[in-house]
């Protein structure tokens, strides 16, 4: 499938995006934190210890994601059409996750009377969304299950920043949309995972409400990003009785320096808080959990083995080792027949008393458009960035500059890391329009030009890796700026920065009185304005700290030392007529303006 190939490419790019010296530095810290966690896991000796850890882990995960939305309003579900297939039917449905925030779904229904077990099947990062679930969902329906599969936000019929001209999002594919929403979530101290979990919770509400479903017999499955969401909802929602995610369960021992996942898969402070992916399985104990893997997945098979072995030990405290199963199939990332039949057999065993065959049947696969729940393939209603904007306004608690300076000193404390390498420069002037930062001390000049791997999502993987281990890329970059000033010796310190490095330079100046002049070019003028649009350029690179937008804005960084030139919005477009700003004129794009 086209989107599968795109996701595979994105995962491989993510694995290589953090510069090698910085990745090694981060990974060494992650390994120490994971080793500390293993010491605590090894100290668990009985079911009482295991239950207490479950209590602590559940509370910690909910705290790390910012809790779940406090909403219990109606689903306002409706069926927009039904497709009759041989042996089952497919309802095309829409329900609301939040008020006016609509989710498009397909419900696969067996051709038999009475109530049936239900399975929530979450989707991975296939841009097509729910049609990717057809083969598994149809087979489960033929085996007597009601299956609900729904479009994740940013996929299928739920594109954010949708353009009718492109018939797609102007942001890009699913991972780009998730990264942008992830940045807006982090600005207000939340994780994008909370909204993915909430969609799954509301989908489970809808599944359980269907008259064809036995709400006491619910399972969850999914592949890749869908395996992630199935893992989350299984661990956190007690209604799920059986779990069977595939191509997700692993260990950050192997995944952190490799194919780290996108916004919902990389929760800030997760590793620093003493957690690993196997904690989700252990939260589920002693209910039955099957892990699906493939031999050639870019998520390393060694990491899956590590997670399964630890989970089996954990389940042993409940005398339930047989309720952890590992099914491995051939090939790369995905669900080969061996894994699919493993899923069928697992839910049949635990939700249908083992009555039925796990053998896969051939089914007719429909084109995407036939499964649309909307007339044109794009749902209407509110977009997620609007709820994030509402959350910011609701939770906002302004704090003063002194509190900001204290926080900046906190994140900038610690040893230098290879987060922003500088080199000598011949002159104190910008080169082109690329993001860059110049430091002049006396007659010495140094320059750093951080690469921007993706035009809209930037260095997202470095930022989320740092956050998972309790570090902060902005803090690391501030350290690098101050260390470079130290190396350059005595003299008047001037800094000029363009693009997102202007944010780091402003933060460094706020805590370093040695900086006497500061020129900030094409810097976003306001964090608040990042919640007025779904389209942002490199928003994670501008993240000073999670929750920043609840207390401050960029103006709080600035003082009389600062000159603003060509102030920009979040697409990098220069904003006209900003009070006090200087502007380049045609012919001098490389000039530093003080």
Protein backbone atom coordinates (compact mmCIF):
# COMPACT_ATOMS: atom_id res chain seq x y z
CA UNK A 1 0.00 0.00 0.00
CA UNK A 2 1.16 3.54 -0.75
CA UNK A 3 0.80 4.82 2.80
CA UNK A 4 2.59 1.78 4.25
CA UNK A 5 5.61 2.59 2.09
CA UNK A 6 5.46 6.21 3.22
CA UNK A 7 5.30 5.19 6.87
CA UNK A 8 8.22 2.82 6.42
CA UNK A 9 10.26 5.64 4.89
CA UNK A 10 9.30 8.01 7.74
CA UNK A 11 10.32 5.44 10.34
CA UNK A 12 13.71 4.96 8.72
CA UNK A 13 14.25 8.72 8.46
CA UNK A 14 13.31 9.12 12.11
CA UNK A 15 15.86 6.51 13.10
CA UNK A 16 18.65 8.58 11.53
CA UNK A 17 17.46 12.13 12.14
CA UNK A 18 19.22 12.89 15.44
CA UNK A 19 22.94 13.63 14.84
CA UNK A 20 25.07 10.66 15.93
CA UNK A 21 27.01 12.34 18.79
CA UNK A 22 23.79 13.72 20.27
CA UNK A 23 21.96 10.41 19.85
CA UNK A 24 24.78 8.56 21.65
CA UNK A 25 24.66 11.10 24.47
CA UNK A 26 20.88 10.73 24.81
CA UNK A 27 20.95 6.95 24.53
CA UNK A 28 23.52 6.63 27.32
CA UNK A 29 21.17 8.54 29.62
CA UNK A 30 18.18 6.47 28.48
CA UNK A 31 20.08 3.24 29.18
CA UNK A 32 20.87 4.36 32.73
CA UNK A 33 17.21 5.19 33.34
CA UNK A 34 16.05 1.87 31.87
CA UNK A 35 18.57 0.01 34.02
CA UNK A 36 17.19 1.72 37.12
CA UNK A 37 13.71 0.61 36.07
CA UNK A 38 14.84 -3.00 35.67
CA UNK A 39 16.22 -2.96 39.19
CA UNK A 40 12.76 -1.99 40.46
CA UNK A 41 11.05 -4.64 38.32
CA UNK A 42 13.43 -7.28 39.63
CA UNK A 43 12.48 -6.32 43.19
CA UNK A 44 8.84 -7.36 42.60
CA UNK A 45 8.39 -10.66 44.42
CA UNK A 46 4.67 -11.32 44.78
CA UNK A 47 1.21 -10.38 43.56
CA UNK A 48 0.94 -7.62 46.15
CA UNK A 49 4.08 -5.95 44.81
CA UNK A 50 2.77 -6.39 41.27
CA UNK A 51 -0.59 -4.81 42.11
CA UNK A 52 1.08 -1.86 43.80
CA UNK A 53 3.25 -1.22 40.75
CA UNK A 54 0.14 -1.36 38.55
CA UNK A 55 -1.43 1.33 40.71
CA UNK A 56 1.66 3.53 40.52
CA UNK A 57 2.21 3.03 36.77
CA UNK A 58 -1.38 3.77 35.84
CA UNK A 59 -1.33 7.00 37.85
CA UNK A 60 2.02 8.00 36.37
CA UNK A 61 0.97 7.41 32.75
CA UNK A 62 -2.21 9.43 33.17
CA UNK A 63 -0.20 12.22 34.78
CA UNK A 64 2.39 12.22 31.99
CA UNK A 65 -0.20 12.56 29.22
CA UNK A 66 -2.07 15.33 31.05
CA UNK A 67 -5.00 13.16 32.10
CA UNK A 68 -7.94 12.35 29.87
CA UNK A 69 -10.58 14.87 28.77
CA UNK A 70 -13.32 15.47 31.31
CA UNK A 71 -16.26 14.93 28.98
CA UNK A 72 -19.20 12.56 29.16
CA UNK A 73 -21.53 14.04 26.56
CA UNK A 74 -23.49 12.15 23.91
CA UNK A 75 -21.81 10.28 21.10
CA UNK A 76 -24.41 11.60 18.64
CA UNK A 77 -23.69 8.48 16.62
CA UNK A 78 -25.38 7.85 13.32
CA UNK A 79 -25.14 5.26 10.57
CA UNK A 80 -24.78 6.87 7.15
CA UNK A 81 -25.03 3.70 5.07
CA UNK A 82 -24.72 -0.08 5.09
CA UNK A 83 -22.86 -2.40 2.73
CA UNK A 84 -24.08 -5.99 2.46
CA UNK A 85 -21.27 -8.48 1.98
CA UNK A 86 -21.27 -12.27 1.84
CA UNK A 87 -21.60 -13.41 5.46
CA UNK A 88 -21.42 -9.98 7.09
CA UNK A 89 -22.40 -6.34 6.72
CA UNK A 90 -20.52 -3.06 7.15
CA UNK A 91 -22.19 -0.05 8.73
CA UNK A 92 -20.66 3.29 7.82
CA UNK A 93 -20.87 5.43 10.95
CA UNK A 94 -19.94 8.79 12.48
CA UNK A 95 -19.79 9.58 16.20
CA UNK A 96 -18.43 12.44 18.31
CA UNK A 97 -15.34 12.06 20.44
CA UNK A 98 -15.70 15.62 21.79
CA UNK A 99 -18.47 18.13 21.03
CA UNK A 100 -18.46 18.65 17.28
CA UNK A 101 -15.24 16.61 16.90
CA UNK A 102 -16.36 13.80 14.65
CA UNK A 103 -14.90 10.35 14.11
CA UNK A 104 -15.59 8.32 10.96
CA UNK A 105 -15.86 4.57 11.40
CA UNK A 106 -16.86 1.23 9.94
CA UNK A 107 -18.70 -1.41 11.98
CA UNK A 108 -18.40 -5.00 10.70
CA UNK A 109 -21.43 -7.08 11.70
CA UNK A 110 -21.88 -10.87 11.54
CA UNK A 111 -24.89 -12.24 9.67
CA UNK A 112 -26.25 -13.97 12.77
CA UNK A 113 -28.75 -12.94 15.45
CA UNK A 114 -28.06 -12.17 19.09
CA UNK A 115 -25.21 -10.42 20.86
CA UNK A 116 -21.60 -10.98 19.84
CA UNK A 117 -18.18 -10.25 21.32
CA UNK A 118 -16.76 -6.94 20.13
CA UNK A 119 -13.28 -6.03 18.92
CA UNK A 120 -11.93 -2.49 18.65
CA UNK A 121 -9.41 -2.45 15.80
CA UNK A 122 -7.18 0.64 15.81
CA UNK A 123 -5.39 1.81 12.67
CA UNK A 124 -1.71 2.41 12.07
CA UNK A 125 -0.23 5.31 10.13
CA UNK A 126 -1.75 4.38 6.81
CA UNK A 127 -3.01 7.60 5.26
CA UNK A 128 -6.06 5.76 3.94
CA UNK A 129 -7.24 5.05 7.49
CA UNK A 130 -9.92 2.46 8.22
CA UNK A 131 -9.90 0.65 4.84
CA UNK A 132 -6.52 -0.83 5.85
CA UNK A 133 -8.39 -2.93 8.45
CA UNK A 134 -10.70 -4.66 5.97
CA UNK A 135 -9.08 -8.08 5.78
CA UNK A 136 -8.81 -8.61 9.53
CA UNK A 137 -12.14 -6.94 10.36
CA UNK A 138 -14.06 -8.93 7.74
CA UNK A 139 -12.55 -12.21 8.92
CA UNK A 140 -13.42 -11.45 12.53
CA UNK A 141 -16.99 -10.64 11.49
CA UNK A 142 -17.20 -13.99 9.69
CA UNK A 143 -16.02 -15.61 12.93
CA UNK A 144 -18.80 -13.99 14.95
CA UNK A 145 -17.31 -10.73 16.21
CA UNK A 146 -18.58 -7.18 15.84
CA UNK A 147 -15.57 -5.09 14.82
CA UNK A 148 -15.30 -1.33 15.04
CA UNK A 149 -12.49 0.32 13.11
CA UNK A 150 -12.17 4.09 12.94
CA UNK A 151 -10.07 6.74 11.24
CA UNK A 152 -7.34 8.20 13.46
CA UNK A 153 -7.14 11.98 13.46
CA UNK A 154 -5.12 13.05 10.43
CA UNK A 155 -6.02 9.96 8.42
CA UNK A 156 -8.79 8.67 6.20
CA UNK A 157 -11.75 11.03 6.40
CA UNK A 158 -10.28 13.01 9.32
CA UNK A 159 -7.53 15.12 7.75
CA UNK A 160 -6.63 18.25 9.68
CA UNK A 161 -6.08 21.42 7.63
CA UNK A 162 -7.89 19.74 4.75
CA UNK A 163 -7.66 21.36 1.33
CA UNK A 164 -10.49 20.55 -1.13
CA UNK A 165 -8.11 21.51 -3.94
CA UNK A 166 -5.56 18.90 -2.87
CA UNK A 167 -8.11 16.42 -1.50
CA UNK A 168 -5.57 16.10 1.33
CA UNK A 169 -4.09 17.98 4.24
CA UNK A 170 -1.84 20.95 3.47
CA UNK A 171 0.33 19.79 6.39
CA UNK A 172 1.20 16.46 4.81
CA UNK A 173 0.57 12.86 5.79
CA UNK A 174 -0.47 11.32 9.08
CA UNK A 175 2.86 11.59 10.89
CA UNK A 176 3.28 15.25 9.91
CA UNK A 177 -0.21 16.05 11.19
CA UNK A 178 0.45 14.14 14.41
CA UNK A 179 3.75 15.95 14.96
CA UNK A 180 2.10 19.36 14.58
CA UNK A 181 -0.71 18.43 16.96
CA UNK A 182 1.87 16.92 19.27
CA UNK A 183 3.72 20.24 19.42
CA UNK A 184 0.55 22.18 20.22
CA UNK A 185 -0.25 19.62 22.93
CA UNK A 186 3.20 19.98 24.48
CA UNK A 187 2.96 23.77 24.51
CA UNK A 188 0.12 23.36 27.02
CA UNK A 189 1.71 20.55 29.02
CA UNK A 190 -0.18 17.65 27.47
CA UNK A 191 0.72 14.70 25.27
CA UNK A 192 -1.00 14.09 21.94
CA UNK A 193 -1.45 10.51 23.21
CA UNK A 194 -4.34 11.70 25.41
CA UNK A 195 -6.43 12.55 22.36
CA UNK A 196 -5.61 9.29 20.59
CA UNK A 197 -6.57 7.39 23.74
CA UNK A 198 -9.72 9.46 24.11
CA UNK A 199 -10.83 8.67 20.54
CA UNK A 200 -10.32 4.98 21.33
CA UNK A 201 -12.26 5.31 24.58
CA UNK A 202 -15.18 6.94 22.77
CA UNK A 203 -14.97 4.31 20.02
CA UNK A 204 -15.20 1.66 22.73
CA UNK A 205 -18.23 3.51 24.12
CA UNK A 206 -19.86 3.32 20.72
CA UNK A 207 -18.95 -0.32 20.19
CA UNK A 208 -20.36 -1.27 23.60
CA UNK A 209 -23.56 0.68 22.89
CA UNK A 210 -24.39 -1.27 19.74
CA UNK A 211 -27.30 -3.67 20.30
CA UNK A 212 -25.39 -6.45 18.50
CA UNK A 213 -22.54 -6.35 21.05
CA UNK A 214 -22.02 -8.15 24.35
CA UNK A 215 -20.37 -5.29 26.28
CA UNK A 216 -18.83 -7.76 28.75
CA UNK A 217 -16.76 -9.35 25.99
CA UNK A 218 -14.58 -6.68 24.38
CA UNK A 219 -11.13 -6.99 22.87
CA UNK A 220 -8.66 -4.63 21.21
CA UNK A 221 -6.18 -5.06 18.40
CA UNK A 222 -4.33 -3.02 15.80
CA UNK A 223 -1.04 -2.83 13.95
CA UNK A 224 1.85 -0.35 14.25
CA UNK A 225 0.40 3.00 15.37
CA UNK A 226 -2.85 1.06 15.78
CA UNK A 227 -0.95 -1.41 17.93
CA UNK A 228 0.10 1.58 20.02
CA UNK A 229 -3.47 2.80 20.51
CA UNK A 230 -4.73 -0.75 21.16
CA UNK A 231 -2.00 -1.08 23.78
CA UNK A 232 -2.95 2.19 25.47
CA UNK A 233 -6.69 1.59 25.58
CA UNK A 234 -6.23 -2.01 26.76
CA UNK A 235 -3.97 -0.93 29.60
CA UNK A 236 -6.12 2.01 30.68
CA UNK A 237 -9.73 0.96 30.05
CA UNK A 238 -10.91 -1.98 32.21
CA UNK A 239 -13.66 -2.86 29.72
CA UNK A 240 -11.05 -4.43 27.42
CA UNK A 241 -10.80 -8.10 28.35
CA UNK A 242 -8.41 -9.33 25.65
CA UNK A 243 -5.54 -7.53 23.88
CA UNK A 244 -3.73 -8.47 20.67
CA UNK A 245 -1.64 -5.56 19.32
CA UNK A 246 0.94 -6.20 16.63
CA UNK A 247 4.10 -4.45 15.40
CA UNK A 248 4.37 -2.16 18.41
CA UNK A 249 5.34 -3.94 21.63
CA UNK A 250 9.08 -3.50 22.10
CA UNK A 251 11.55 -1.99 24.54
CA UNK A 252 13.13 1.45 24.56
CA UNK A 253 16.46 -0.33 25.05
CA UNK A 254 16.20 -1.10 21.34
CA UNK A 255 13.70 1.45 20.05
CA UNK A 256 15.02 4.68 21.58
CA UNK A 257 18.19 4.91 19.44
CA UNK A 258 16.33 3.48 16.44
CA UNK A 259 12.80 3.93 15.08
CA UNK A 260 11.36 6.10 17.86
CA UNK A 261 7.67 6.60 17.15
CA UNK A 262 5.73 9.77 16.47
CA UNK A 263 3.94 12.17 18.84
CA UNK A 264 1.51 9.75 20.49
CA UNK A 265 4.16 7.04 20.82
CA UNK A 266 6.73 9.24 22.61
CA UNK A 267 5.33 10.51 25.90
CA UNK A 268 7.46 13.18 27.64
CA UNK A 269 9.36 11.91 30.71
CA UNK A 270 8.20 8.35 30.03
CA UNK A 271 11.65 6.76 30.30
CA UNK A 272 12.80 9.27 32.93
CA UNK A 273 9.83 8.22 35.07
CA UNK A 274 11.00 4.61 35.14
CA UNK A 275 8.71 3.22 32.46
CA UNK A 276 9.09 1.04 29.38
CA UNK A 277 6.61 -0.32 26.84
CA UNK A 278 6.17 -3.62 28.70
CA UNK A 279 4.59 -1.66 31.56
CA UNK A 280 1.41 -1.47 29.46
CA UNK A 281 1.19 -5.26 29.27
CA UNK A 282 1.88 -5.50 32.99
CA UNK A 283 -0.93 -3.04 33.72
CA UNK A 284 -3.25 -5.50 31.94
CA UNK A 285 -2.22 -8.52 34.06
CA UNK A 286 -3.64 -11.06 34.51
CA UNK A 287 -5.93 -10.63 31.49
CA UNK A 288 -4.82 -12.31 28.21
CA UNK A 289 -2.39 -10.39 25.98
CA UNK A 290 -0.95 -11.50 22.65
CA UNK A 291 2.04 -9.73 21.11
CA UNK A 292 2.28 -9.86 17.31
CA UNK A 293 5.70 -9.30 15.71
CA UNK A 294 7.49 -9.88 12.42
CA UNK A 295 11.01 -11.12 11.90
CA UNK A 296 12.05 -8.28 9.58
CA UNK A 297 10.31 -5.36 11.30
CA UNK A 298 12.21 -2.11 11.78
CA UNK A 299 10.96 -2.39 15.37
CA UNK A 300 13.68 -4.82 16.49
CA UNK A 301 12.65 -8.38 17.24
CA UNK A 302 15.08 -8.35 20.19
CA UNK A 303 13.07 -5.57 21.81
CA UNK A 304 9.82 -7.51 21.43
CA UNK A 305 11.47 -10.57 22.95
CA UNK A 306 12.70 -8.52 25.91
CA UNK A 307 9.21 -7.12 26.52
CA UNK A 308 7.50 -10.51 26.28
CA UNK A 309 9.98 -12.22 28.61
CA UNK A 310 9.55 -9.52 31.23
CA UNK A 311 5.75 -9.62 30.92
CA UNK A 312 5.70 -13.40 31.38
CA UNK A 313 7.65 -13.04 34.62
CA UNK A 314 5.20 -10.38 35.76
CA UNK A 315 2.21 -12.58 34.88
CA UNK A 316 3.79 -15.40 36.87
CA UNK A 317 2.95 -13.54 40.08
CA UNK A 318 -0.71 -14.06 39.10
CA UNK A 319 -0.10 -17.70 38.03
CA UNK A 320 -1.13 -16.59 34.54
CA UNK A 321 1.93 -17.11 32.32
CA UNK A 322 -0.25 -18.85 29.73
CA UNK A 323 -2.11 -15.58 29.20
CA UNK A 324 0.91 -13.99 27.53
CA UNK A 325 1.55 -15.19 23.99
CA UNK A 326 4.05 -14.09 21.35
CA UNK A 327 3.19 -14.73 17.69
CA UNK A 328 5.95 -14.01 15.17
CA UNK A 329 5.43 -13.96 11.42
CA UNK A 330 7.75 -13.54 8.45
CA UNK A 331 8.50 -10.36 6.55
CA UNK A 332 8.63 -6.70 7.44
CA UNK A 333 6.41 -4.27 9.28
CA UNK A 334 2.77 -5.37 9.12
CA UNK A 335 0.49 -8.31 9.86
CA UNK A 336 1.31 -11.38 7.76
CA UNK A 337 -1.12 -14.27 7.69
CA UNK A 338 0.58 -16.00 10.62
CA UNK A 339 -0.01 -12.97 12.84
CA UNK A 340 -3.53 -12.38 11.55
CA UNK A 341 -4.52 -15.95 12.32
CA UNK A 342 -2.83 -15.57 15.70
CA UNK A 343 -5.14 -12.63 16.42
CA UNK A 344 -8.22 -14.58 15.30
CA UNK A 345 -7.28 -17.55 17.45
CA UNK A 346 -6.49 -15.43 20.51
CA UNK A 347 -9.82 -13.58 20.60
CA UNK A 348 -11.71 -16.80 19.78
CA UNK A 349 -10.00 -18.50 22.73
CA UNK A 350 -10.78 -15.82 25.29
CA UNK A 351 -13.98 -14.18 24.01
CA UNK A 352 -15.75 -17.20 22.43
CA UNK A 353 -14.61 -20.02 24.71
CA UNK A 354 -12.38 -21.33 21.94
CA UNK A 355 -15.35 -22.08 19.69
CA UNK A 356 -14.43 -21.37 16.09
CA UNK A 357 -11.65 -21.67 13.56
CA UNK A 358 -8.69 -19.31 13.33
CA UNK A 359 -8.17 -20.14 9.64
CA UNK A 360 -8.38 -17.04 7.47
CA UNK A 361 -11.07 -16.86 4.80
CA UNK A 362 -10.80 -15.07 1.49
CA UNK A 363 -12.90 -11.91 1.50
CA UNK A 364 -13.72 -9.27 -1.06
CA UNK A 365 -11.78 -6.05 -0.43
CA UNK A 366 -13.49 -2.78 -1.33
CA UNK A 367 -11.88 0.42 -2.62
CA UNK A 368 -11.45 3.17 -0.05
CA UNK A 369 -14.29 5.37 -1.27
CA UNK A 370 -16.90 2.66 -0.80
CA UNK A 371 -16.13 2.65 2.93
CA UNK A 372 -16.47 6.41 3.37
CA UNK A 373 -18.94 7.46 6.04
CA UNK A 374 -19.19 10.92 4.44
CA UNK A 375 -20.27 11.85 0.92
CA UNK A 376 -16.90 13.25 -0.17
CA UNK A 377 -14.35 11.48 2.03
CA UNK A 378 -13.78 14.30 4.54
CA UNK A 379 -15.72 14.76 7.77
CA UNK A 380 -16.94 18.21 8.84
CA UNK A 381 -16.90 19.70 12.34
CA UNK A 382 -14.21 21.09 14.61
CA UNK A 383 -10.51 20.28 14.29
CA UNK A 384 -8.29 19.17 17.15
CA UNK A 385 -6.18 22.33 17.22
CA UNK A 386 -9.36 24.23 18.18
CA UNK A 387 -9.77 22.09 21.30
CA UNK A 388 -6.12 22.64 22.15
CA UNK A 389 -6.70 26.37 21.83
CA UNK A 390 -9.72 26.06 24.15
CA UNK A 391 -7.62 24.09 26.64
CA UNK A 392 -4.91 26.74 26.62
CA UNK A 393 -7.39 29.49 27.37
CA UNK A 394 -9.10 27.44 30.07
CA UNK A 395 -5.89 26.42 31.83
CA UNK A 396 -3.88 29.63 31.36
CA UNK A 397 -2.15 30.92 34.50
CA UNK A 398 0.16 33.84 33.64
CA UNK A 399 3.46 34.01 35.50
CA UNK A 400 6.07 36.77 35.61
CA UNK A 401 9.45 37.09 33.92
CA UNK A 402 11.31 36.16 37.10
CA UNK A 403 9.56 32.77 37.10
CA UNK A 404 10.43 32.33 33.43
CA UNK A 405 14.11 33.11 34.04
CA UNK A 406 14.14 30.58 36.88
CA UNK A 407 12.68 27.90 34.60
CA UNK A 408 15.14 28.70 31.83
CA UNK A 409 18.03 28.40 34.28
CA UNK A 410 16.67 25.05 35.36
CA UNK A 411 16.46 23.56 31.87
CA UNK A 412 19.83 25.07 30.90
CA UNK A 413 21.63 23.60 33.93
CA UNK A 414 23.84 20.56 33.52
CA UNK A 415 26.69 19.36 31.35
CA UNK A 416 27.12 20.45 27.74
CA UNK A 417 25.86 18.07 25.10
CA UNK A 418 26.50 18.00 21.32
CA UNK A 419 23.11 19.62 20.69
CA UNK A 420 24.21 22.63 18.61
CA UNK A 421 27.69 22.37 17.04
CA UNK A 422 29.34 25.70 16.20
CA UNK A 423 32.13 26.40 13.71
CA UNK A 424 34.26 29.45 13.00
CA UNK A 425 32.79 32.01 10.62
CA UNK A 426 34.49 34.64 8.47
CA UNK A 427 31.97 37.41 9.06
CA UNK A 428 28.99 38.36 11.16
CA UNK A 429 26.16 38.08 8.64
CA UNK A 430 23.48 35.61 7.69
CA UNK A 431 23.96 33.27 4.75
CA UNK A 432 20.74 32.80 2.84
CA UNK A 433 17.40 32.33 4.56
CA UNK A 434 18.21 29.11 6.42
CA UNK A 435 17.81 28.83 10.18
CA UNK A 436 21.09 29.89 11.79
CA UNK A 437 22.70 31.52 14.80
CA UNK A 438 25.78 33.77 14.87
CA UNK A 439 27.83 34.67 17.92
CA UNK A 440 30.43 37.46 17.93
CA UNK A 441 32.77 37.93 20.87
CA UNK A 442 35.29 40.69 20.21
CA UNK A 443 36.63 39.97 16.73
CA UNK A 444 35.76 36.25 16.76
CA UNK A 445 32.65 34.88 15.04
CA UNK A 446 31.05 31.44 15.31
CA UNK A 447 28.06 30.04 13.46
CA UNK A 448 25.67 27.12 13.82
CA UNK A 449 23.24 26.15 11.08
CA UNK A 450 21.01 23.34 12.37
CA UNK A 451 19.65 21.10 9.65
CA UNK A 452 15.88 21.10 9.14
CA UNK A 453 15.18 17.52 8.02
CA UNK A 454 11.51 18.14 7.21
CA UNK A 455 10.10 21.50 6.10
CA UNK A 456 7.18 21.60 8.55
CA UNK A 457 8.10 19.23 11.36
CA UNK A 458 11.81 20.02 11.58
CA UNK A 459 13.95 18.22 14.15
CA UNK A 460 10.96 16.66 15.87
CA UNK A 461 12.64 13.34 16.67
CA UNK A 462 15.48 14.99 18.61
CA UNK A 463 12.99 17.04 20.62
CA UNK A 464 10.77 14.13 21.62
CA UNK A 465 13.73 11.86 22.37
CA UNK A 466 15.10 14.46 24.75
CA UNK A 467 11.72 14.91 26.43
CA UNK A 468 11.30 11.17 27.02
CA UNK A 469 14.50 11.08 29.09
CA UNK A 470 13.65 14.20 31.07
CA UNK A 471 15.86 16.50 29.02
CA UNK A 472 14.88 19.40 26.82
CA UNK A 473 16.36 20.26 23.43
CA UNK A 474 15.88 23.96 24.03
CA UNK A 475 17.79 23.64 27.29
CA UNK A 476 20.54 21.66 25.57
CA UNK A 477 20.81 24.32 22.88
CA UNK A 478 20.95 27.12 25.45
CA UNK A 479 23.80 25.24 27.14
CA UNK A 480 25.58 24.97 23.80
CA UNK A 481 25.22 28.71 23.14
CA UNK A 482 26.61 29.64 26.54
CA UNK A 483 29.45 27.12 26.26
CA UNK A 484 30.41 28.57 22.87
CA UNK A 485 30.55 32.05 24.41
CA UNK A 486 32.85 30.63 27.12
CA UNK A 487 35.19 29.21 24.46
CA UNK A 488 35.42 32.47 22.55
CA UNK A 489 37.04 34.40 25.40
CA UNK A 490 36.59 37.96 26.60
CA UNK A 491 34.82 40.76 24.77
CA UNK A 492 31.43 42.21 23.98
CA UNK A 493 28.98 39.41 23.13
CA UNK A 494 26.54 39.91 20.26
CA UNK A 495 24.17 37.28 18.89
CA UNK A 496 22.13 37.26 15.70
CA UNK A 497 19.73 34.41 14.98
CA UNK A 498 17.26 33.61 12.25
CA UNK A 499 14.21 31.33 12.36
CA UNK A 500 13.75 28.94 15.28
CA UNK A 501 17.32 29.49 16.60
CA UNK A 502 16.12 33.01 17.40
CA UNK A 503 13.97 31.47 20.15
CA UNK A 504 17.00 29.70 21.65
CA UNK A 505 19.10 32.85 21.41
CA UNK A 506 16.40 34.90 23.15
CA UNK A 507 16.17 32.32 25.92
CA UNK A 508 19.95 32.28 26.35
CA UNK A 509 20.03 36.07 26.56
CA UNK A 510 17.30 36.06 29.19
CA UNK A 511 19.62 34.21 31.60
CA UNK A 512 23.06 35.39 30.42
CA UNK A 513 23.93 39.06 31.10
CA UNK A 514 27.11 38.74 29.03
CA UNK A 515 25.00 39.04 25.88
CA UNK A 516 24.86 42.78 25.19
CA UNK A 517 23.10 42.85 21.82
CA UNK A 518 20.61 40.48 20.26
CA UNK A 519 19.20 40.52 16.72
CA UNK A 520 16.30 38.12 16.10
CA UNK A 521 15.24 37.64 12.49
CA UNK A 522 12.13 35.84 11.24
CA UNK A 523 11.26 34.62 14.72
CA UNK A 524 7.61 33.72 15.39
CA UNK A 525 6.14 36.68 17.23
CA UNK A 526 3.82 34.77 19.55
CA UNK A 527 3.21 31.33 21.00
CA UNK A 528 -0.46 32.19 21.46
CA UNK A 529 -0.84 32.54 17.70
CA UNK A 530 0.32 28.92 17.29
CA UNK A 531 -3.16 27.91 18.48
CA UNK A 532 -4.98 29.93 15.83
CA UNK A 533 -3.92 27.72 12.93
CA UNK A 534 -3.40 24.02 12.18
CA UNK A 535 -0.38 24.81 9.97
CA UNK A 536 2.91 25.45 11.78
CA UNK A 537 6.54 25.40 10.67
CA UNK A 538 8.92 23.52 12.97
CA UNK A 539 6.84 24.10 16.12
CA UNK A 540 8.74 21.56 18.20
CA UNK A 541 12.04 23.34 17.53
CA UNK A 542 10.52 26.43 19.18
CA UNK A 543 9.37 24.49 22.26
CA UNK A 544 11.19 25.93 25.25
CA UNK A 545 9.46 23.66 27.74
CA UNK A 546 6.18 21.73 27.99
CA UNK A 547 3.44 23.98 29.34
CA UNK A 548 5.21 27.21 28.30
CA UNK A 549 2.10 28.61 26.58
CA UNK A 550 0.09 28.36 29.80
CA UNK A 551 2.31 30.89 31.55
CA UNK A 552 4.31 33.03 29.10
CA UNK A 553 4.80 34.16 25.53
CA UNK A 554 7.92 35.00 23.53
CA UNK A 555 7.60 38.69 24.44
CA UNK A 556 8.49 37.71 28.02
CA UNK A 557 11.96 36.71 26.81
CA UNK A 558 12.82 40.10 25.35
CA UNK A 559 14.33 43.28 26.79
CA UNK A 560 16.08 46.46 25.64
CA UNK A 561 19.05 44.50 24.23
CA UNK A 562 16.83 42.97 21.57
CA UNK A 563 16.14 44.03 18.01
CA UNK A 564 13.43 42.21 16.07
CA UNK A 565 13.70 42.09 12.29
CA UNK A 566 11.26 40.62 9.78
CA UNK A 567 8.94 39.20 12.49
CA UNK A 568 7.16 36.11 11.20
CA UNK A 569 4.07 34.01 11.67
CA UNK A 570 4.18 30.23 12.13
CA UNK A 571 4.59 29.54 8.43
CA UNK A 572 7.69 31.76 8.28
CA UNK A 573 5.84 34.54 6.45
CA UNK A 574 7.01 38.04 7.40
CA UNK A 575 4.33 40.03 9.21
CA UNK A 576 4.04 43.67 8.10
CA UNK A 577 3.83 46.75 10.30
CA UNK A 578 4.82 45.19 13.63
CA UNK A 579 5.56 47.99 16.08
CA UNK A 580 9.25 48.42 16.81
CA UNK A 581 10.42 45.87 14.25
CA UNK A 582 13.03 46.47 11.56
CA UNK A 583 12.63 45.11 8.04
CA UNK A 584 15.03 43.98 5.35
CA UNK A 585 14.68 45.59 1.97
CA UNK A 586 15.19 43.99 -1.40
CA UNK A 587 18.86 43.30 -2.01
CA UNK A 588 20.10 42.81 1.55
CA UNK A 589 18.66 39.48 2.75
CA UNK A 590 21.90 38.50 4.50
CA UNK A 591 22.27 41.61 6.66
CA UNK A 592 22.14 41.38 10.45
CA UNK A 593 19.88 44.20 11.62
CA UNK A 594 20.61 45.78 14.97
